[in-house]
Amino acid sequence: MKVTLSLIKADVGGYPGHSSVHPMLKEKAAEMLENAKNNGLLIDYRVVGVGDDLQLIMTHKFGEDNEKIHKLAWDTFKEATEIAKKLKLYGAGQDLLKDAFSGNVRGLGPGIAEMSFEERKGEPVVAFMMDKTEPGAFNLPIFRMFADPFNTPGLVIDPTMHDGFLFEVWDIMEHKRVMIKSPEELYDLLALIGAKSRYVIKRVFPSERHPKIPKSEPVAVISTEKLYQIAGEYVGKDDPVALVRSQSGLPALGEVLEPFSFPHLVSGWMRGSHNGPIMPVGLKDAKCTRFDGPPRVVALGFQLSEGKLVGPVDLFDDPAFDNARKMANEIADYMRRHGPFEPHRLPLEDMEYTTLPKVMEKLKNRFEKI
C-alpha cells in the first residue's frame, strides 16, 4: 500500500511564554483531525506538543503537497490560534505569517516534512520534532545515520546498505539544491552541511542499486522553512521536524537514535540568538524553561500498518539517554557563562534578522572615523 506520512507543525501560542503548548490547543487539533478521519480524508493521526509547537502527524493516500491535507492543517492551526488569542497565550498565531491559504502551507509559516512510499512488510518510522533551533540542526544527526559507519555499522556489515545513500542538500539562501552521493562524494557533502545555517539536508534517498527500496522513495525528509525569509524579520526560530524510515536495508532504529547521544551545538535557544546543546527528551520533558531552552528534540516511533499509526513509543524517554541530558546541561552551563559574548551569542551575520539591528541603528550616527 502506498501511503503519505505528513508531519506539519506551527507555533500558534505558547503557555506560559515560549515553554509549552496549552492542552486546549491540542484538544481542538485532535477534534478537527478526528473529523477529517471520520470523513475519509485521513487514515490516522496523532497530535502532540513539543516546546511551544503544535505538531500534527497524519497519514493519508493523497500524496505530498496535497491541497486538502494542507488546508486541514492550516484550518486546524487557525482554529487553535483563536483559542490561543482568547487565553492570551504568548505569540498567538506567530507562525501563521500570511493571511490567506493558497493551495499548500509552504511559504505560509508552518514547518512541513512529508514523504510518500510503498509500505514494506515492516515499516518503522521515527518522527523527530525539535524546538528552539533551526533546520540545520538536523544536518549532523542525519549525516551520522546515513553516512557515518562509526554511528551506523550497517553501512559496513549490511550488504543492502553498502552502496550508501543519496543526499538532497538545499542552499536556503540562494534557493538552490544539489544531489550528493555518499560515500563517493562524502567530503563534498561535509563541505556543505558543516555550514548548517546555509546548507541543509532536505531528503535522503537510497542508492540506485539498493535491492529493497526504489531510488525515488525518500527514506528521510526534513523541514527547511526559514521563518525570517518569509516574514522579513525575526518572528521566532524555525523549530524543524523530520521523518526517518528504518530497518530492512536502512539504518536500524538504534542507529537512527544514536546520533542524539551526543548533544551537539545548534543555533537558536533564547530569542533565536544563541548557540546551545540539543537535548534529547521524552514528551514529558518537552518544555523549554531554562533560558527558554536548552533546545529540545523528541523522537516518537511508529510502525505503519496499512497507513495506521501503531504507537507511538516515546523513544528518548529512556535512561540510556540520561548521560546525553547530563552532558547537555553541562554544555548549557558552559555556554551560558559567556553571557552576551560569542560563541554563545550567534555571530553578527546570523543576528541580521533578530532584534539586534534595531540597537545598531540607534548607535550608527555615533561612530567616528579613526
Protein backbone atom coordinates (compact mmCIF):
# COMPACT_ATOMS: atom_id res chain seq x y z
CA MET A 1 0.00 0.00 0.00
CA LYS A 2 1.32 3.46 -0.91
CA VAL A 3 0.91 5.87 1.99
CA THR A 4 1.80 9.50 2.62
CA LEU A 5 3.08 10.50 6.04
CA SER A 6 2.74 14.21 6.79
CA LEU A 7 4.24 15.97 9.80
CA ILE A 8 3.15 19.62 9.90
CA LYS A 9 3.82 21.94 12.84
CA ALA A 10 3.30 25.53 13.89
CA ASP A 11 3.71 27.74 16.93
CA VAL A 12 0.24 29.17 17.43
CA GLY A 13 0.70 30.30 21.04
CA GLY A 14 2.99 29.45 23.94
CA TYR A 15 2.00 28.66 27.52
CA PRO A 16 3.46 30.33 29.50
CA GLY A 17 5.80 32.37 27.33
CA HIS A 18 7.55 30.09 24.83
CA SER A 19 7.67 26.99 27.02
CA SER A 20 4.84 24.61 26.04
CA VAL A 21 1.50 24.07 24.26
CA HIS A 22 -1.75 24.61 26.17
CA PRO A 23 -3.90 21.43 26.39
CA MET A 24 -6.91 23.18 24.83
CA LEU A 25 -4.96 23.74 21.60
CA LYS A 26 -4.14 20.04 21.36
CA GLU A 27 -7.75 19.14 22.11
CA LYS A 28 -9.05 21.37 19.32
CA ALA A 29 -6.48 19.95 16.87
CA ALA A 30 -7.43 16.37 17.79
CA GLU A 31 -11.12 17.19 17.33
CA MET A 32 -10.54 18.56 13.83
CA LEU A 33 -8.29 15.71 12.74
CA GLU A 34 -10.76 13.15 14.11
CA ASN A 35 -13.49 14.71 11.98
CA ALA A 36 -11.19 14.51 8.95
CA LYS A 37 -10.50 10.86 9.70
CA ASN A 38 -14.22 10.11 10.02
CA ASN A 39 -14.82 11.84 6.68
CA GLY A 40 -12.20 9.71 4.93
CA LEU A 41 -9.57 12.41 4.45
CA LEU A 42 -7.08 10.90 6.91
CA ILE A 43 -6.24 7.28 7.60
CA ASP A 44 -4.81 8.09 11.03
CA TYR A 45 -3.27 10.92 13.05
CA ARG A 46 -1.58 11.92 16.30
CA VAL A 47 -1.42 15.36 17.93
CA VAL A 48 1.40 16.30 20.29
CA GLY A 49 3.09 19.39 21.66
CA VAL A 50 6.86 19.83 21.71
CA GLY A 51 8.03 23.02 23.36
CA ASP A 52 5.57 25.66 22.16
CA ASP A 53 4.92 23.92 18.83
CA LEU A 54 1.68 22.13 17.95
CA GLN A 55 2.58 19.02 15.95
CA LEU A 56 0.19 17.22 13.56
CA ILE A 57 1.25 13.72 12.47
CA MET A 58 -1.07 12.43 9.73
CA THR A 59 -1.32 9.52 7.29
CA HIS A 60 -3.36 9.59 4.09
CA LYS A 61 -3.44 8.46 0.44
CA PHE A 62 -3.25 11.82 -1.32
CA GLY A 63 0.48 12.35 -1.79
CA GLU A 64 2.77 15.22 -0.84
CA ASP A 65 1.68 18.87 -1.00
CA ASN A 66 -1.97 17.87 -1.27
CA GLU A 67 -4.26 20.88 -1.03
CA LYS A 68 -6.92 19.16 1.10
CA ILE A 69 -4.40 17.88 3.64
CA HIS A 70 -2.57 21.19 3.86
CA LYS A 71 -5.83 23.12 4.20
CA LEU A 72 -6.80 20.80 7.03
CA ALA A 73 -3.54 21.64 8.80
CA TRP A 74 -3.96 25.36 8.09
CA ASP A 75 -7.55 25.42 9.35
CA THR A 76 -6.50 23.47 12.44
CA PHE A 77 -3.77 25.99 13.24
CA LYS A 78 -6.18 28.89 12.63
CA GLU A 79 -8.78 27.41 15.00
CA ALA A 80 -6.11 26.76 17.62
CA THR A 81 -4.92 30.36 17.19
CA GLU A 82 -8.39 31.66 18.04
CA ILE A 83 -8.30 29.71 21.29
CA ALA A 84 -4.78 30.99 21.96
CA LYS A 85 -5.96 34.58 21.50
CA LYS A 86 -8.85 34.09 23.94
CA LEU A 87 -6.43 32.66 26.50
CA LYS A 88 -3.96 35.49 25.76
CA LEU A 89 -1.24 32.93 25.07
CA TYR A 90 2.11 34.34 24.07
CA GLY A 91 2.73 34.85 20.35
CA ALA A 92 -0.74 33.60 19.36
CA GLY A 93 -0.59 32.61 15.68
CA GLN A 94 3.04 33.71 15.33
CA ASP A 95 3.91 31.03 12.76
CA LEU A 96 0.91 31.86 10.55
CA LEU A 97 2.72 34.54 8.60
CA LYS A 98 0.26 35.04 5.75
CA ASP A 99 -3.48 35.66 5.91
CA ALA A 100 -4.68 33.54 3.00
CA PHE A 101 -4.27 29.85 2.26
CA SER A 102 -3.04 29.36 -1.30
CA GLY A 103 -3.03 25.64 -2.06
CA ASN A 104 -0.49 24.43 0.50
CA VAL A 105 1.14 25.73 3.67
CA ARG A 106 4.66 26.02 2.23
CA GLY A 107 5.75 29.64 2.49
CA LEU A 108 2.98 30.48 4.97
CA GLY A 109 4.96 29.76 8.16
CA PRO A 110 4.29 26.19 9.34
CA GLY A 111 7.05 23.59 9.01
CA ILE A 112 6.43 20.51 6.86
CA ALA A 113 8.07 17.11 6.49
CA GLU A 114 6.22 14.75 4.13
CA MET A 115 7.06 11.52 2.36
CA SER A 116 5.15 9.06 0.18
CA PHE A 117 6.23 5.43 -0.14
CA GLU A 118 5.06 1.87 -0.58
CA GLU A 119 4.73 0.25 2.83
CA ARG A 120 7.20 -2.56 3.34
CA LYS A 121 6.46 -5.79 5.20
CA GLY A 122 7.65 -3.97 8.30
CA GLU A 123 7.68 -0.16 8.24
CA PRO A 124 9.19 1.53 11.31
CA VAL A 125 9.21 5.34 11.14
CA VAL A 126 10.54 7.91 13.60
CA ALA A 127 9.07 11.41 13.83
CA PHE A 128 11.66 13.83 15.19
CA MET A 129 10.47 17.21 16.49
CA MET A 130 12.83 19.99 17.62
CA ASP A 131 12.11 23.23 19.44
CA LYS A 132 14.22 26.40 19.76
CA THR A 133 16.51 25.74 16.82
CA GLU A 134 16.90 25.84 13.02
CA PRO A 135 16.62 23.26 10.18
CA GLY A 136 20.40 22.82 10.01
CA ALA A 137 20.27 21.27 13.47
CA PHE A 138 19.37 18.01 11.70
CA ASN A 139 22.48 18.04 9.47
CA LEU A 140 24.82 16.27 11.87
CA PRO A 141 22.43 13.55 13.10
CA ILE A 142 21.05 12.78 9.61
CA PHE A 143 24.61 12.58 8.26
CA ARG A 144 25.57 10.19 11.02
CA MET A 145 22.53 7.99 10.45
CA PHE A 146 23.07 7.54 6.72
CA ALA A 147 26.77 8.19 6.07
CA ASP A 148 28.88 7.63 9.20
CA PRO A 149 29.99 4.00 9.70
CA PHE A 150 31.13 4.82 13.25
CA ASN A 151 27.47 5.55 14.07
CA THR A 152 25.82 3.11 11.65
CA PRO A 153 27.73 -0.18 11.36
CA GLY A 154 25.09 -1.37 8.90
CA LEU A 155 26.89 0.73 6.27
CA VAL A 156 29.79 -1.72 6.68
CA ILE A 157 28.21 -5.06 7.50
CA ASP A 158 24.79 -4.93 5.79
CA PRO A 159 25.19 -5.59 2.04
CA THR A 160 21.91 -3.81 1.27
CA MET A 161 23.36 -0.55 2.66
CA HIS A 162 26.88 -0.96 1.32
CA ASP A 163 26.29 1.30 -1.70
CA GLY A 164 25.32 4.21 0.53
CA PHE A 165 22.70 6.91 0.11
CA LEU A 166 21.91 10.00 -1.94
CA PHE A 167 21.60 13.33 -0.09
CA GLU A 168 19.47 16.21 -1.38
CA VAL A 169 21.06 19.38 0.05
CA TRP A 170 19.40 22.78 -0.17
CA ASP A 171 21.11 26.14 -0.23
CA ILE A 172 18.42 28.00 1.70
CA MET A 173 19.96 31.41 0.97
CA GLU A 174 20.20 31.06 -2.82
CA HIS A 175 17.20 28.70 -3.06
CA LYS A 176 19.08 26.00 -4.96
CA ARG A 177 19.66 22.30 -4.39
CA VAL A 178 22.30 19.70 -5.19
CA MET A 179 22.27 15.88 -5.07
CA ILE A 180 25.37 14.35 -3.47
CA LYS A 181 26.24 10.65 -3.26
CA SER A 182 27.70 9.04 -0.18
CA PRO A 183 30.26 7.55 0.22
CA GLU A 184 31.63 8.57 -3.22
CA GLU A 185 31.25 12.31 -2.56
CA LEU A 186 31.48 12.24 1.21
CA TYR A 187 33.91 15.15 1.53
CA ASP A 188 31.84 17.31 -0.81
CA LEU A 189 28.81 16.59 1.35
CA LEU A 190 30.65 17.58 4.53
CA ALA A 191 31.99 20.74 2.90
CA LEU A 192 28.40 21.93 2.54
CA ILE A 193 26.45 20.63 5.50
CA GLY A 194 29.02 21.76 8.04
CA ALA A 195 27.73 25.27 7.23
CA LYS A 196 24.37 24.41 8.78
CA SER A 197 22.87 27.91 8.68
CA ARG A 198 23.00 27.87 4.87
CA TYR A 199 23.22 24.29 3.56
CA VAL A 200 20.54 21.96 4.89
CA ILE A 201 19.84 18.29 4.22
CA LYS A 202 16.30 18.16 2.82
CA ARG A 203 15.92 14.49 1.84
CA VAL A 204 17.85 11.24 1.80
CA PHE A 205 17.22 8.60 -0.89
CA PRO A 206 18.51 5.04 -1.24
CA SER A 207 21.27 4.26 -3.70
CA GLU A 208 20.05 3.45 -7.22
CA ARG A 209 21.47 -0.02 -6.60
CA HIS A 210 19.51 -0.56 -3.37
CA PRO A 211 17.88 -4.00 -3.66
CA LYS A 212 14.80 -3.29 -1.50
CA ILE A 213 13.70 0.34 -1.84
CA PRO A 214 13.07 2.29 -5.08
CA LYS A 215 15.51 5.13 -5.59
CA SER A 216 12.54 7.52 -5.98
CA GLU A 217 11.31 6.90 -2.42
CA PRO A 218 12.76 9.15 0.27
CA VAL A 219 13.95 7.45 3.44
CA ALA A 220 14.33 10.70 5.40
CA VAL A 221 12.89 14.19 4.97
CA ILE A 222 13.46 17.38 6.97
CA SER A 223 11.51 20.64 7.12
CA THR A 224 13.55 23.56 5.77
CA GLU A 225 11.20 26.53 6.21
CA LYS A 226 13.04 29.67 7.39
CA LEU A 227 10.59 31.98 9.12
CA TYR A 228 12.64 35.16 8.74
CA GLN A 229 12.82 34.64 4.97
CA ILE A 230 9.01 34.62 4.88
CA ALA A 231 8.37 37.44 7.34
CA GLY A 232 11.41 39.60 6.54
CA GLU A 233 12.27 39.89 10.23
CA TYR A 234 12.73 37.74 13.30
CA VAL A 235 9.45 36.11 14.30
CA GLY A 236 10.70 33.05 16.18
CA LYS A 237 13.02 30.14 15.50
CA ASP A 238 12.13 27.63 12.82
CA ASP A 239 11.79 24.56 15.09
CA PRO A 240 12.33 21.88 12.44
CA VAL A 241 10.81 18.41 12.16
CA ALA A 242 11.96 15.26 10.36
CA LEU A 243 10.67 11.83 9.35
CA VAL A 244 13.07 8.90 9.14
CA ARG A 245 12.33 5.33 8.00
CA SER A 246 14.41 2.49 9.44
CA GLN A 247 15.30 -1.23 9.31
CA SER A 248 15.36 -3.67 6.37
CA GLY A 249 18.09 -2.10 4.27
CA LEU A 250 18.01 1.18 6.20
CA PRO A 251 19.66 2.17 9.49
CA ALA A 252 18.32 0.16 12.40
CA LEU A 253 16.22 2.01 14.96
CA GLY A 254 19.18 2.19 17.33
CA GLU A 255 21.35 3.61 14.56
CA VAL A 256 18.71 6.27 13.86
CA LEU A 257 18.64 7.33 17.52
CA GLU A 258 22.35 7.02 18.35
CA PRO A 259 23.41 10.44 16.92
CA PHE A 260 21.41 12.13 19.67
CA SER A 261 23.51 10.52 22.39
CA PHE A 262 25.83 13.48 21.66
CA PRO A 263 24.12 16.84 22.37
CA HIS A 264 25.71 18.78 19.52
CA LEU A 265 25.63 22.57 19.39
CA VAL A 266 22.77 24.16 17.46
CA SER A 267 21.64 27.72 16.82
CA GLY A 268 18.50 29.16 18.39
CA TRP A 269 17.73 28.96 22.09
CA MET A 270 16.84 32.31 23.72
CA ARG A 271 15.41 34.83 21.21
CA GLY A 272 16.80 32.68 18.39
CA SER A 273 20.14 34.34 19.07
CA HIS A 274 22.30 31.80 20.89
CA ASN A 275 24.19 28.56 20.39
CA GLY A 276 23.43 25.71 22.75
CA PRO A 277 23.17 21.92 23.06
CA ILE A 278 20.27 19.93 21.64
CA MET A 279 18.82 17.85 24.47
CA PRO A 280 17.00 14.56 23.66
CA VAL A 281 13.94 14.27 25.90
CA GLY A 282 10.69 12.39 26.30
CA LEU A 283 7.40 14.17 25.78
CA LYS A 284 7.01 14.77 29.50
CA ASP A 285 10.18 16.89 29.43
CA ALA A 286 9.48 18.64 26.13
CA LYS A 287 9.01 22.05 27.70
CA CYS A 288 11.67 24.71 27.28
CA THR A 289 12.20 26.63 30.52
CA ARG A 290 15.88 27.32 31.19
CA PHE A 291 16.74 30.45 29.20
CA ASP A 292 13.80 29.32 27.03
CA GLY A 293 15.61 26.06 26.43
CA PRO A 294 18.02 24.50 26.02
CA PRO A 295 16.86 23.33 22.56
CA ARG A 296 14.96 20.03 22.70
CA VAL A 297 14.37 17.08 20.41
CA VAL A 298 11.64 14.45 20.82
CA ALA A 299 11.54 11.15 18.90
CA LEU A 300 8.25 9.28 18.51
CA GLY A 301 8.44 5.83 16.96
CA PHE A 302 5.66 4.18 14.96
CA GLN A 303 5.05 1.03 12.98
CA LEU A 304 2.88 1.70 9.94
CA SER A 305 0.21 -0.86 9.09
CA GLU A 306 -1.98 -0.04 6.08
CA GLY A 307 -1.48 3.61 6.95
CA LYS A 308 -2.43 3.13 10.61
CA LEU A 309 -0.02 4.63 13.14
CA VAL A 310 0.84 1.84 15.58
CA GLY A 311 2.27 3.72 18.54
CA PRO A 312 3.91 5.99 19.40
CA VAL A 313 6.77 4.84 21.55
CA ASP A 314 8.40 7.83 23.25
CA LEU A 315 11.92 6.82 22.26
CA PHE A 316 14.02 9.33 24.21
CA ASP A 317 12.08 8.61 27.40
CA ASP A 318 14.81 6.13 28.24
CA PRO A 319 17.58 6.19 30.89
CA ALA A 320 20.02 5.26 28.10
CA PHE A 321 19.89 8.97 27.15
CA ASP A 322 20.45 10.23 30.71
CA ASN A 323 24.13 10.89 30.03
CA ALA A 324 23.25 12.89 26.92
CA ARG A 325 20.89 15.02 29.01
CA LYS A 326 23.55 15.43 31.73
CA MET A 327 26.10 16.45 29.12
CA ALA A 328 23.61 18.90 27.59
CA ASN A 329 23.11 20.54 30.96
CA GLU A 330 26.86 20.85 31.47
CA ILE A 331 27.26 22.36 27.99
CA ALA A 332 24.37 24.73 28.76
CA ASP A 333 26.17 25.86 31.93
CA TYR A 334 29.39 26.47 30.00
CA MET A 335 27.73 28.35 27.14
CA ARG A 336 25.56 30.47 29.44
CA ARG A 337 28.60 31.79 31.29
CA HIS A 338 29.59 33.63 28.10
CA GLY A 339 26.53 35.85 28.52
CA PRO A 340 26.21 38.22 25.52
CA PHE A 341 29.59 37.19 24.08
CA GLU A 342 30.19 34.93 21.09
CA PRO A 343 30.26 31.96 20.66
CA HIS A 344 27.20 31.74 22.95
CA ARG A 345 25.57 34.59 21.08
CA LEU A 346 25.42 33.98 17.34
CA PRO A 347 27.90 35.79 15.05
CA LEU A 348 26.75 39.11 13.64
CA GLU A 349 25.81 37.77 10.18
CA ASP A 350 23.36 35.36 11.84
CA MET A 351 21.95 38.15 14.03
CA GLU A 352 20.78 40.13 10.99
CA TYR A 353 17.17 39.04 11.36
CA THR A 354 16.97 39.29 15.15
CA THR A 355 16.17 42.47 17.06
CA LEU A 356 19.87 43.43 17.33
CA PRO A 357 19.82 45.62 14.15
CA LYS A 358 17.39 47.96 15.92
CA VAL A 359 20.01 48.50 18.61
CA MET A 360 22.74 49.04 15.98
CA GLU A 361 20.57 51.58 14.17
CA LYS A 362 20.43 53.70 17.33
CA LEU A 363 24.23 53.75 17.55
CA LYS A 364 25.19 54.19 13.89
CA ASN A 365 25.46 58.01 13.92
CA ARG A 366 27.71 57.95 16.97
CA PHE A 367 30.59 56.19 15.21
CA GLU A 368 33.57 58.44 14.32
CA LYS A 369 36.33 57.81 11.85
CA ILE A 370 39.65 56.72 13.37
